[in-house]
N, C-alpha and C. Protein backbone atom coordinates (compact mmCIF):
# COMPACT_ATOMS: atom_id res chain seq x y z
N UNK A 1 0.82 -1.18 0.00
CA UNK A 1 0.00 0.00 0.00
C UNK A 1 0.87 1.25 0.00
N UNK A 2 1.93 1.24 0.71
CA UNK A 2 2.82 2.40 0.78
C UNK A 2 3.49 2.65 -0.56
N UNK A 3 3.66 1.61 -1.36
CA UNK A 3 4.28 1.76 -2.67
C UNK A 3 3.41 2.61 -3.59
N UNK A 4 2.07 2.47 -3.52
CA UNK A 4 1.16 3.26 -4.34
C UNK A 4 1.23 4.74 -3.99
N UNK A 5 1.37 5.06 -2.71
CA UNK A 5 1.47 6.45 -2.29
C UNK A 5 2.79 7.04 -2.76
N UNK A 6 3.84 6.26 -2.72
CA UNK A 6 5.14 6.74 -3.17
C UNK A 6 5.13 7.03 -4.66
N UNK A 7 4.35 6.28 -5.42
CA UNK A 7 4.27 6.52 -6.85
C UNK A 7 3.52 7.81 -7.16
N UNK A 8 2.54 8.18 -6.35
CA UNK A 8 1.75 9.37 -6.60
C UNK A 8 2.52 10.62 -6.18
N UNK A 9 3.27 10.56 -5.12
CA UNK A 9 3.96 11.71 -4.57
C UNK A 9 4.85 12.44 -5.59
N UNK A 10 5.68 11.77 -6.39
CA UNK A 10 6.51 12.52 -7.33
C UNK A 10 5.69 13.26 -8.39
N UNK A 11 4.49 12.81 -8.66
CA UNK A 11 3.67 13.46 -9.68
C UNK A 11 3.11 14.79 -9.19
N UNK A 12 3.02 14.98 -7.88
CA UNK A 12 2.48 16.21 -7.33
C UNK A 12 3.62 17.21 -7.17
N UNK A 13 3.55 18.27 -7.93
CA UNK A 13 4.55 19.33 -7.82
C UNK A 13 3.90 20.64 -8.25
N UNK A 14 4.54 21.71 -7.89
CA UNK A 14 4.02 23.02 -8.26
C UNK A 14 5.07 23.76 -9.07
N UNK A 15 4.63 24.49 -10.06
CA UNK A 15 5.58 25.22 -10.88
C UNK A 15 5.75 26.67 -10.40
N UNK A 16 5.07 27.04 -9.34
CA UNK A 16 5.15 28.40 -8.82
C UNK A 16 6.28 28.52 -7.82
N UNK A 17 7.09 29.55 -7.98
CA UNK A 17 8.13 29.86 -7.00
C UNK A 17 7.93 31.28 -6.55
N UNK A 18 8.42 31.61 -5.40
CA UNK A 18 8.22 32.94 -4.83
C UNK A 18 8.87 34.03 -5.66
N UNK A 19 9.96 33.73 -6.34
CA UNK A 19 10.67 34.73 -7.11
C UNK A 19 10.11 34.90 -8.53
N UNK A 20 9.20 34.04 -8.90
CA UNK A 20 8.67 34.08 -10.26
C UNK A 20 7.62 35.19 -10.39
N UNK A 21 7.75 36.06 -11.39
CA UNK A 21 6.75 37.13 -11.55
C UNK A 21 5.41 36.55 -12.01
N UNK A 22 4.35 37.23 -11.62
CA UNK A 22 3.01 36.81 -12.02
C UNK A 22 2.78 37.27 -13.45
N UNK A 23 2.31 36.37 -14.29
CA UNK A 23 2.08 36.71 -15.69
C UNK A 23 0.88 37.65 -15.81
N UNK A 24 1.02 38.67 -16.65
CA UNK A 24 -0.05 39.62 -16.86
C UNK A 24 -1.03 39.04 -17.88
N UNK A 25 -2.30 39.31 -17.69
CA UNK A 25 -3.27 38.82 -18.68
C UNK A 25 -3.07 39.53 -20.02
N UNK A 26 -3.49 38.86 -21.09
CA UNK A 26 -3.31 39.43 -22.42
C UNK A 26 -4.21 40.62 -22.64
N UNK A 27 -5.41 40.59 -22.07
CA UNK A 27 -6.32 41.73 -22.15
C UNK A 27 -6.74 42.11 -20.74
N UNK A 28 -6.91 43.39 -20.53
CA UNK A 28 -7.25 43.85 -19.19
C UNK A 28 -8.75 43.68 -18.94
N UNK A 29 -9.11 43.71 -17.69
CA UNK A 29 -10.51 43.58 -17.29
C UNK A 29 -11.33 44.72 -17.86
N UNK A 30 -10.77 45.92 -17.83
CA UNK A 30 -11.52 47.07 -18.34
C UNK A 30 -11.79 46.95 -19.84
N UNK A 31 -10.84 46.40 -20.59
CA UNK A 31 -11.04 46.20 -22.02
C UNK A 31 -12.15 45.19 -22.27
N UNK A 32 -12.14 44.11 -21.54
CA UNK A 32 -13.18 43.09 -21.68
C UNK A 32 -14.54 43.66 -21.29
N UNK A 33 -14.57 44.45 -20.23
CA UNK A 33 -15.82 45.06 -19.79
C UNK A 33 -16.37 46.02 -20.84
N UNK A 34 -15.50 46.84 -21.41
CA UNK A 34 -15.93 47.78 -22.46
C UNK A 34 -16.46 47.05 -23.68
N UNK A 35 -15.77 45.99 -24.09
CA UNK A 35 -16.20 45.21 -25.25
C UNK A 35 -17.57 44.58 -24.99
N UNK A 36 -17.76 44.06 -23.80
CA UNK A 36 -19.03 43.44 -23.45
C UNK A 36 -20.16 44.46 -23.44
N UNK A 37 -19.92 45.61 -22.84
CA UNK A 37 -20.95 46.65 -22.81
C UNK A 37 -21.26 47.17 -24.21
N UNK A 38 -20.25 47.26 -25.06
CA UNK A 38 -20.48 47.66 -26.45
C UNK A 38 -21.31 46.63 -27.19
N UNK A 39 -21.07 45.35 -26.92
CA UNK A 39 -21.86 44.28 -27.54
C UNK A 39 -23.32 44.38 -27.12
N UNK A 40 -23.55 44.61 -25.83
CA UNK A 40 -24.92 44.75 -25.33
C UNK A 40 -25.58 45.97 -25.96
N UNK A 41 -24.87 47.07 -26.02
CA UNK A 41 -25.41 48.29 -26.61
C UNK A 41 -25.73 48.09 -28.10
N UNK A 42 -24.84 47.44 -28.82
CA UNK A 42 -25.08 47.18 -30.24
C UNK A 42 -26.31 46.30 -30.45
N UNK A 43 -26.49 45.31 -29.59
CA UNK A 43 -27.67 44.44 -29.70
C UNK A 43 -28.94 45.23 -29.42
N UNK A 44 -28.90 46.12 -28.43
CA UNK A 44 -30.07 46.95 -28.13
C UNK A 44 -30.39 47.88 -29.31
N UNK A 45 -29.37 48.52 -29.86
CA UNK A 45 -29.59 49.42 -31.00
C UNK A 45 -30.11 48.66 -32.22
N UNK A 46 -29.58 47.47 -32.46
CA UNK A 46 -30.03 46.66 -33.59
C UNK A 46 -31.51 46.28 -33.41
N UNK A 47 -31.88 45.88 -32.21
CA UNK A 47 -33.28 45.52 -31.94
C UNK A 47 -34.19 46.74 -32.12
N UNK A 48 -33.76 47.90 -31.64
CA UNK A 48 -34.55 49.12 -31.81
C UNK A 48 -34.70 49.49 -33.28
N UNK A 49 -33.61 49.40 -34.03
CA UNK A 49 -33.67 49.73 -35.46
C UNK A 49 -34.59 48.77 -36.21
N UNK A 50 -34.49 47.48 -35.89
CA UNK A 50 -35.35 46.50 -36.56
C UNK A 50 -36.81 46.73 -36.20
N UNK A 51 -37.08 47.08 -34.95
CA UNK A 51 -38.46 47.35 -34.53
C UNK A 51 -39.00 48.57 -35.26
N UNK A 52 -38.20 49.63 -35.34
CA UNK A 52 -38.61 50.84 -36.05
C UNK A 52 -38.85 50.57 -37.53
N UNK A 53 -37.98 49.76 -38.13
CA UNK A 53 -38.15 49.40 -39.54
C UNK A 53 -39.44 48.61 -39.75
N UNK A 54 -39.71 47.70 -38.84
CA UNK A 54 -40.93 46.88 -38.95
C UNK A 54 -42.19 47.75 -38.81
N UNK A 55 -42.17 48.66 -37.83
CA UNK A 55 -43.33 49.52 -37.59
C UNK A 55 -43.56 50.48 -38.76
N UNK A 56 -42.47 50.94 -39.37
CA UNK A 56 -42.62 51.89 -40.48
C UNK A 56 -42.94 51.20 -41.80
N UNK A 57 -43.04 49.89 -41.82
CA UNK A 57 -43.46 49.17 -43.01
C UNK A 57 -42.34 48.70 -43.92
N UNK A 58 -41.12 48.81 -43.48
CA UNK A 58 -40.01 48.32 -44.29
C UNK A 58 -40.04 46.79 -44.31
N UNK A 59 -39.43 46.18 -45.33
CA UNK A 59 -39.50 44.71 -45.44
C UNK A 59 -38.60 44.00 -44.42
N UNK A 60 -39.12 43.86 -43.21
CA UNK A 60 -38.42 43.16 -42.14
C UNK A 60 -39.34 42.06 -41.62
N UNK A 61 -38.82 40.87 -41.48
CA UNK A 61 -39.63 39.75 -40.99
C UNK A 61 -39.85 39.89 -39.49
N UNK A 62 -41.07 39.60 -39.07
CA UNK A 62 -41.43 39.72 -37.65
C UNK A 62 -40.57 38.81 -36.78
N UNK A 63 -40.32 37.58 -37.25
CA UNK A 63 -39.53 36.67 -36.42
C UNK A 63 -38.10 37.18 -36.23
N UNK A 64 -37.54 37.88 -37.22
CA UNK A 64 -36.20 38.45 -37.05
C UNK A 64 -36.21 39.58 -36.02
N UNK A 65 -37.28 40.36 -36.01
CA UNK A 65 -37.42 41.43 -35.03
C UNK A 65 -37.51 40.84 -33.62
N UNK A 66 -38.31 39.78 -33.49
CA UNK A 66 -38.48 39.15 -32.17
C UNK A 66 -37.18 38.51 -31.69
N UNK A 67 -36.46 37.88 -32.59
CA UNK A 67 -35.18 37.25 -32.22
C UNK A 67 -34.18 38.31 -31.77
N UNK A 68 -34.09 39.40 -32.51
CA UNK A 68 -33.16 40.48 -32.14
C UNK A 68 -33.54 41.09 -30.80
N UNK A 69 -34.85 41.24 -30.58
CA UNK A 69 -35.32 41.82 -29.32
C UNK A 69 -35.02 40.90 -28.14
N UNK A 70 -35.27 39.62 -28.30
CA UNK A 70 -34.98 38.67 -27.21
C UNK A 70 -33.49 38.54 -26.96
N UNK A 71 -32.69 38.56 -28.01
CA UNK A 71 -31.24 38.50 -27.84
C UNK A 71 -30.75 39.69 -27.03
N UNK A 72 -31.24 40.88 -27.37
CA UNK A 72 -30.85 42.08 -26.63
C UNK A 72 -31.32 42.00 -25.19
N UNK A 73 -32.51 41.48 -24.98
CA UNK A 73 -33.06 41.34 -23.63
C UNK A 73 -32.22 40.37 -22.78
N UNK A 74 -31.86 39.25 -23.36
CA UNK A 74 -31.05 38.26 -22.64
C UNK A 74 -29.67 38.84 -22.31
N UNK A 75 -29.05 39.52 -23.27
CA UNK A 75 -27.74 40.13 -23.02
C UNK A 75 -27.81 41.17 -21.91
N UNK A 76 -28.87 41.98 -21.93
CA UNK A 76 -29.03 43.01 -20.91
C UNK A 76 -29.21 42.39 -19.53
N UNK A 77 -30.07 41.38 -19.41
CA UNK A 77 -30.30 40.75 -18.11
C UNK A 77 -29.07 40.01 -17.61
N UNK A 78 -28.33 39.41 -18.51
CA UNK A 78 -27.08 38.75 -18.11
C UNK A 78 -26.08 39.78 -17.59
N UNK A 79 -25.96 40.89 -18.27
CA UNK A 79 -25.05 41.96 -17.84
C UNK A 79 -25.46 42.50 -16.47
N UNK A 80 -26.75 42.67 -16.26
CA UNK A 80 -27.24 43.16 -14.96
C UNK A 80 -26.91 42.16 -13.86
N UNK A 81 -27.08 40.87 -14.12
CA UNK A 81 -26.77 39.85 -13.11
C UNK A 81 -25.28 39.81 -12.80
N UNK A 82 -24.44 39.95 -13.82
CA UNK A 82 -22.99 39.97 -13.58
C UNK A 82 -22.61 41.18 -12.75
N UNK A 83 -23.21 42.33 -13.06
CA UNK A 83 -22.96 43.53 -12.27
C UNK A 83 -23.39 43.32 -10.83
N UNK A 84 -24.56 42.73 -10.62
CA UNK A 84 -25.05 42.48 -9.26
C UNK A 84 -24.10 41.56 -8.49
N UNK A 85 -23.59 40.53 -9.15
CA UNK A 85 -22.65 39.62 -8.49
C UNK A 85 -21.34 40.33 -8.16
N UNK A 86 -20.88 41.20 -9.05
CA UNK A 86 -19.64 41.94 -8.79
C UNK A 86 -19.82 42.89 -7.61
N UNK A 87 -20.95 43.57 -7.55
CA UNK A 87 -21.22 44.48 -6.43
C UNK A 87 -21.34 43.68 -5.13
N UNK A 88 -21.99 42.53 -5.20
CA UNK A 88 -22.14 41.68 -4.01
C UNK A 88 -20.78 41.19 -3.52
N UNK A 89 -19.90 40.81 -4.45
CA UNK A 89 -18.55 40.36 -4.06
C UNK A 89 -17.76 41.51 -3.44
N UNK A 90 -17.88 42.70 -4.01
CA UNK A 90 -17.20 43.87 -3.45
C UNK A 90 -17.69 44.16 -2.04
N UNK A 91 -19.00 44.13 -1.84
CA UNK A 91 -19.56 44.39 -0.52
C UNK A 91 -19.12 43.33 0.48
N UNK A 92 -19.03 42.10 0.04
CA UNK A 92 -18.57 41.02 0.92
C UNK A 92 -17.11 41.25 1.33
N UNK A 93 -16.28 41.69 0.40
CA UNK A 93 -14.87 41.96 0.72
C UNK A 93 -14.76 43.13 1.70
N UNK A 94 -15.63 44.13 1.55
CA UNK A 94 -15.59 45.28 2.45
C UNK A 94 -16.02 44.90 3.86
N UNK A 95 -16.82 43.87 3.99
CA UNK A 95 -17.26 43.42 5.32
C UNK A 95 -16.22 42.56 6.01
N UNK A 96 -15.22 42.11 5.27
CA UNK A 96 -14.19 41.23 5.87
C UNK A 96 -13.33 42.04 6.84
N UNK A 97 -12.99 41.39 7.92
CA UNK A 97 -12.12 42.04 8.89
C UNK A 97 -10.68 41.66 8.59
N UNK A 98 -9.82 42.63 8.71
CA UNK A 98 -8.41 42.41 8.39
C UNK A 98 -7.65 42.01 9.62
């Protein structure tokens, strides 16, 4: 039985050392956040434009308008939930005692 544990032990190692610098991410959090908010905004504007085109009688299919509207709605609600979780995490960290 001890032989099996000895075989596993050499496989467990860590590549982190105290002197090793932490690798920087390729894109910053603010860049990702801006891109995401721009995507949500673009979806909202696209849905609004398609709705306006449909109401004004332009040749737009109703199902395409509904799909664009629901896509924008889902993106917006997802963004709101992510924001809520981020605020909740921040508040939890502020309540921590040092």
